[in-house]
Amino acid sequence: MNIRKLLIILLSISFMVSAAQDIITKRDGNDIKSIVIEILPNAVKYRNHDNQKGPIYTLNKSEVFMIKYENGSKDIFASQTASDLIGSKSATIYFYRPKKFASGRTKIIVGTVEPDEVVVTLKNGSWYKMTYEHLGERNFVAGVFSLNTETYKLNIIGDKTYYIKCSVLTKGLLVMAELEFIDKTIALKEMEGLRKQKVP
C-alpha cells in the first residue's frame, strides 16, 4: 500500500470520528451537538461535541425530548411529571449569606412565585438548611425591603441537595438582593465560619 492510499484512509477515519456526534433535542426545540456519556433516571450526562475532552455537563431529563445517536438510533423521552422527579418527597436546600459590613443589618427575604410564600429571611453572615417539599420547576425571588421582580429558576428533584447564595447589592440608592445557585464544593468553602440560623 502506497503512502497516498494510507493517507486517504487515515483522513477518512479521522473525519468519521470527528463527525460522529449525538444530537440532544431539548423540549424548547434547541439542539445540542454532543457525545452522550450516561443516561440516568433523572439526568443525561454529555460532553460538547466541539470539546470532547472538556467538562461533562448534566441536563435534567425533564428538559430532553429526544436523543439521536451517531449510529442513527433514537431515544424519545416521555414528558416527566413532578412525581417522576421525586425519588423521595423532598430535597435539601442550603441558603447562605456571606458576612458583609455594608448593609449588615438588613435581612434578605427569599420566596417563591408559586406557591406564593416566603421561604427564609436570612441574616447577615448566616446559613439556613431546609427540607423543601415543593418539587419540580420553581421560580425563586429575593429582596431586602420588598421582593424584586427578577426570578431565579431551579428544577428541584427529590433526594438532591442545592446551595443558594444570597447577596445584597447596592445600585445607587437602591438596595437589592441577588440569588446564585452554587456548586457544593464552592458553597461549603464559602459557608465556613458562618452562623447556623435556627429559624427561617
Protein backbone atom coordinates (compact mmCIF):
# COMPACT_ATOMS: atom_id res chain seq x y z
CA MET A 1 0.00 0.00 0.00
CA ASN A 2 1.49 3.32 -1.01
CA ILE A 3 1.65 6.40 1.21
CA ARG A 4 -1.10 8.23 -0.67
CA LYS A 5 -3.67 5.44 -0.09
CA LEU A 6 -2.65 5.18 3.57
CA LEU A 7 -3.06 8.92 3.99
CA ILE A 8 -6.54 8.84 2.40
CA ILE A 9 -7.62 6.01 4.72
CA LEU A 10 -6.33 7.80 7.81
CA LEU A 11 -8.04 11.05 6.82
CA SER A 12 -11.33 9.19 6.21
CA ILE A 13 -11.18 7.54 9.63
CA SER A 14 -10.31 10.86 11.26
CA PHE A 15 -13.28 12.55 9.52
CA MET A 16 -15.68 9.77 10.55
CA VAL A 17 -14.55 10.02 14.20
CA SER A 18 -14.81 13.82 14.25
CA ALA A 19 -18.20 13.74 12.50
CA ALA A 20 -19.63 11.19 14.97
CA GLN A 21 -21.99 13.04 17.27
CA ASP A 22 -25.17 12.62 19.24
CA ILE A 23 -27.90 15.27 18.92
CA ILE A 24 -29.80 16.07 22.12
CA THR A 25 -33.09 17.81 21.26
CA LYS A 26 -34.49 19.74 24.21
CA ARG A 27 -38.20 20.32 24.81
CA ASP A 28 -37.71 24.01 23.97
CA GLY A 29 -36.60 22.98 20.45
CA ASN A 30 -32.86 23.65 20.86
CA ASP A 31 -30.35 21.03 19.69
CA ILE A 32 -27.08 20.23 21.45
CA LYS A 33 -24.30 18.59 19.41
CA SER A 34 -22.83 16.23 21.96
CA ILE A 35 -21.26 12.96 22.93
CA VAL A 36 -23.66 11.30 25.39
CA ILE A 37 -21.76 9.78 28.33
CA GLU A 38 -24.54 8.36 30.51
CA ILE A 39 -28.32 8.37 30.85
CA LEU A 40 -29.50 8.30 34.47
CA PRO A 41 -33.10 8.01 35.77
CA ASN A 42 -33.41 11.80 36.08
CA ALA A 43 -30.50 13.21 34.05
CA VAL A 44 -28.41 12.97 30.88
CA LYS A 45 -24.63 13.42 31.10
CA TYR A 46 -22.76 14.57 27.99
CA ARG A 47 -19.74 16.37 26.59
CA ASN A 48 -19.95 19.09 23.95
CA HIS A 49 -19.09 17.66 20.55
CA ASP A 50 -16.76 20.58 19.86
CA ASN A 51 -14.83 19.92 23.10
CA GLN A 52 -14.79 16.15 23.53
CA LYS A 53 -12.10 16.22 26.21
CA GLY A 54 -13.83 19.07 28.06
CA PRO A 55 -16.14 19.02 31.08
CA ILE A 56 -19.09 16.67 31.48
CA TYR A 57 -22.42 18.52 31.57
CA THR A 58 -25.62 17.31 33.23
CA LEU A 59 -29.06 18.04 31.82
CA ASN A 60 -32.30 17.28 33.66
CA LYS A 61 -34.11 14.50 31.80
CA SER A 62 -37.32 16.52 32.03
CA GLU A 63 -35.72 19.02 29.60
CA VAL A 64 -34.89 16.35 26.99
CA PHE A 65 -37.31 15.43 24.21
CA MET A 66 -35.08 13.14 22.12
CA ILE A 67 -31.50 11.93 21.61
CA LYS A 68 -30.45 10.96 18.09
CA TYR A 69 -27.25 8.92 18.29
CA GLU A 70 -24.42 8.95 15.78
CA ASN A 71 -25.42 5.46 14.55
CA GLY A 72 -28.90 6.75 13.59
CA SER A 73 -30.85 5.24 16.51
CA LYS A 74 -33.07 7.44 18.70
CA ASP A 75 -34.33 7.62 22.25
CA ILE A 76 -37.53 9.62 22.78
CA PHE A 77 -38.30 10.61 26.36
CA ALA A 78 -41.83 10.87 27.70
CA SER A 79 -42.67 14.11 29.49
CA GLN A 80 -41.84 13.77 33.18
CA THR A 81 -44.28 14.88 35.80
CA ALA A 82 -43.35 16.10 39.26
CA SER A 83 -44.00 12.59 40.62
CA ASP A 84 -41.40 11.17 38.18
CA LEU A 85 -38.80 13.56 39.57
CA ILE A 86 -39.39 12.86 43.18
CA GLY A 87 -37.25 9.92 44.26
CA SER A 88 -38.26 10.88 47.78
CA LYS A 89 -40.77 13.59 48.54
CA SER A 90 -38.28 16.30 49.46
CA ALA A 91 -34.98 17.97 48.60
CA THR A 92 -32.50 19.77 50.84
CA ILE A 93 -31.70 23.42 50.23
CA TYR A 94 -28.97 25.43 51.96
CA PHE A 95 -29.43 29.20 51.84
CA TYR A 96 -26.35 31.14 52.89
CA ARG A 97 -25.25 34.74 53.09
CA PRO A 98 -21.55 35.67 53.36
CA LYS A 99 -20.81 38.28 56.04
CA LYS A 100 -20.59 41.85 54.71
CA PHE A 101 -20.19 45.06 56.69
CA ALA A 102 -22.24 47.10 54.20
CA SER A 103 -26.00 46.54 54.65
CA GLY A 104 -25.17 44.19 57.52
CA ARG A 105 -28.37 44.82 59.48
CA THR A 106 -30.74 44.25 56.57
CA LYS A 107 -32.25 40.81 56.10
CA ILE A 108 -32.64 39.11 52.73
CA ILE A 109 -36.12 37.77 52.05
CA VAL A 110 -36.26 34.70 49.78
CA GLY A 111 -39.54 33.41 48.42
CA THR A 112 -41.14 31.55 45.56
CA VAL A 113 -43.67 32.72 42.99
CA GLU A 114 -45.73 29.53 43.10
CA PRO A 115 -46.52 28.59 45.76
CA ASP A 116 -46.54 32.26 46.79
CA GLU A 117 -44.56 32.00 50.01
CA VAL A 118 -41.60 33.38 51.92
CA VAL A 119 -39.07 30.55 52.26
CA VAL A 120 -36.47 32.19 54.51
CA THR A 121 -35.47 35.60 55.87
CA LEU A 122 -31.67 35.36 56.02
CA LYS A 123 -29.47 37.34 58.40
CA ASN A 124 -26.01 38.64 57.54
CA GLY A 125 -23.22 36.04 57.95
CA SER A 126 -25.54 33.07 58.40
CA TRP A 127 -26.83 29.92 56.71
CA TYR A 128 -30.10 28.04 56.94
CA LYS A 129 -30.84 24.43 55.96
CA MET A 130 -34.33 23.44 54.99
CA THR A 131 -36.20 20.39 53.76
CA TYR A 132 -38.13 21.53 50.69
CA GLU A 133 -41.17 19.56 49.53
CA HIS A 134 -42.39 21.60 46.53
CA LEU A 135 -40.59 19.63 43.83
CA GLY A 136 -40.34 20.39 40.12
CA GLU A 137 -39.58 23.73 38.48
CA ARG A 138 -39.69 26.65 40.91
CA ASN A 139 -39.14 30.38 40.43
CA PHE A 140 -37.35 31.93 43.40
CA VAL A 141 -37.39 35.65 44.14
CA ALA A 142 -35.40 37.72 46.64
CA GLY A 143 -35.42 41.18 48.13
CA VAL A 144 -34.41 43.33 51.04
CA PHE A 145 -37.31 45.66 51.85
CA SER A 146 -39.56 44.10 49.21
CA LEU A 147 -39.18 41.27 46.69
CA ASN A 148 -37.51 42.01 43.35
CA THR A 149 -39.29 41.20 40.09
CA GLU A 150 -36.33 39.15 38.79
CA THR A 151 -36.84 35.39 39.18
CA TYR A 152 -34.30 32.59 39.56
CA LYS A 153 -35.45 29.29 38.06
CA LEU A 154 -34.47 25.96 39.65
CA ASN A 155 -35.76 22.47 38.83
CA ILE A 156 -35.90 20.76 42.22
CA ILE A 157 -35.57 16.98 42.31
CA GLY A 158 -36.21 14.80 45.36
CA ASP A 159 -33.19 13.46 47.28
CA LYS A 160 -30.96 16.22 45.81
CA THR A 161 -29.14 18.96 47.74
CA TYR A 162 -28.94 22.55 46.47
CA TYR A 163 -26.90 25.55 47.64
CA ILE A 164 -28.25 29.07 47.13
CA LYS A 165 -26.03 32.07 47.86
CA CYS A 166 -27.87 35.24 48.91
CA SER A 167 -26.18 38.63 48.50
CA VAL A 168 -27.08 42.29 48.99
CA LEU A 169 -26.32 44.65 46.10
CA THR A 170 -26.44 48.42 46.08
CA LYS A 171 -27.26 50.20 42.82
CA GLY A 172 -27.19 53.92 43.50
CA LEU A 173 -29.79 54.48 46.19
CA LEU A 174 -31.39 51.07 45.64
CA VAL A 175 -30.61 48.16 47.95
CA MET A 176 -31.36 44.86 46.22
CA ALA A 177 -30.90 41.14 46.77
CA GLU A 178 -29.42 38.58 44.41
CA LEU A 179 -29.52 34.77 44.40
CA GLU A 180 -26.94 32.41 42.88
CA PHE A 181 -27.10 28.63 42.59
CA ILE A 182 -23.65 27.46 43.70
CA ASP A 183 -21.69 24.22 43.27
CA LYS A 184 -21.39 22.21 46.52
CA THR A 185 -17.58 22.49 46.79
CA ILE A 186 -17.58 26.27 46.41
CA ALA A 187 -20.61 26.69 48.68
CA LEU A 188 -19.15 24.65 51.55
CA LYS A 189 -15.96 26.70 51.39
CA GLU A 190 -17.91 29.98 51.41
CA MET A 191 -20.08 28.77 54.30
CA GLU A 192 -17.09 28.18 56.60
CA GLY A 193 -17.31 30.46 59.64
CA LEU A 194 -20.94 31.46 59.03
CA ARG A 195 -23.51 31.05 61.81
CA LYS A 196 -26.30 28.48 61.57
CA GLN A 197 -29.67 30.25 61.55
CA LYS A 198 -32.19 28.19 63.54
CA VAL A 199 -35.45 29.68 62.28
CA PRO A 200 -36.42 30.70 58.73
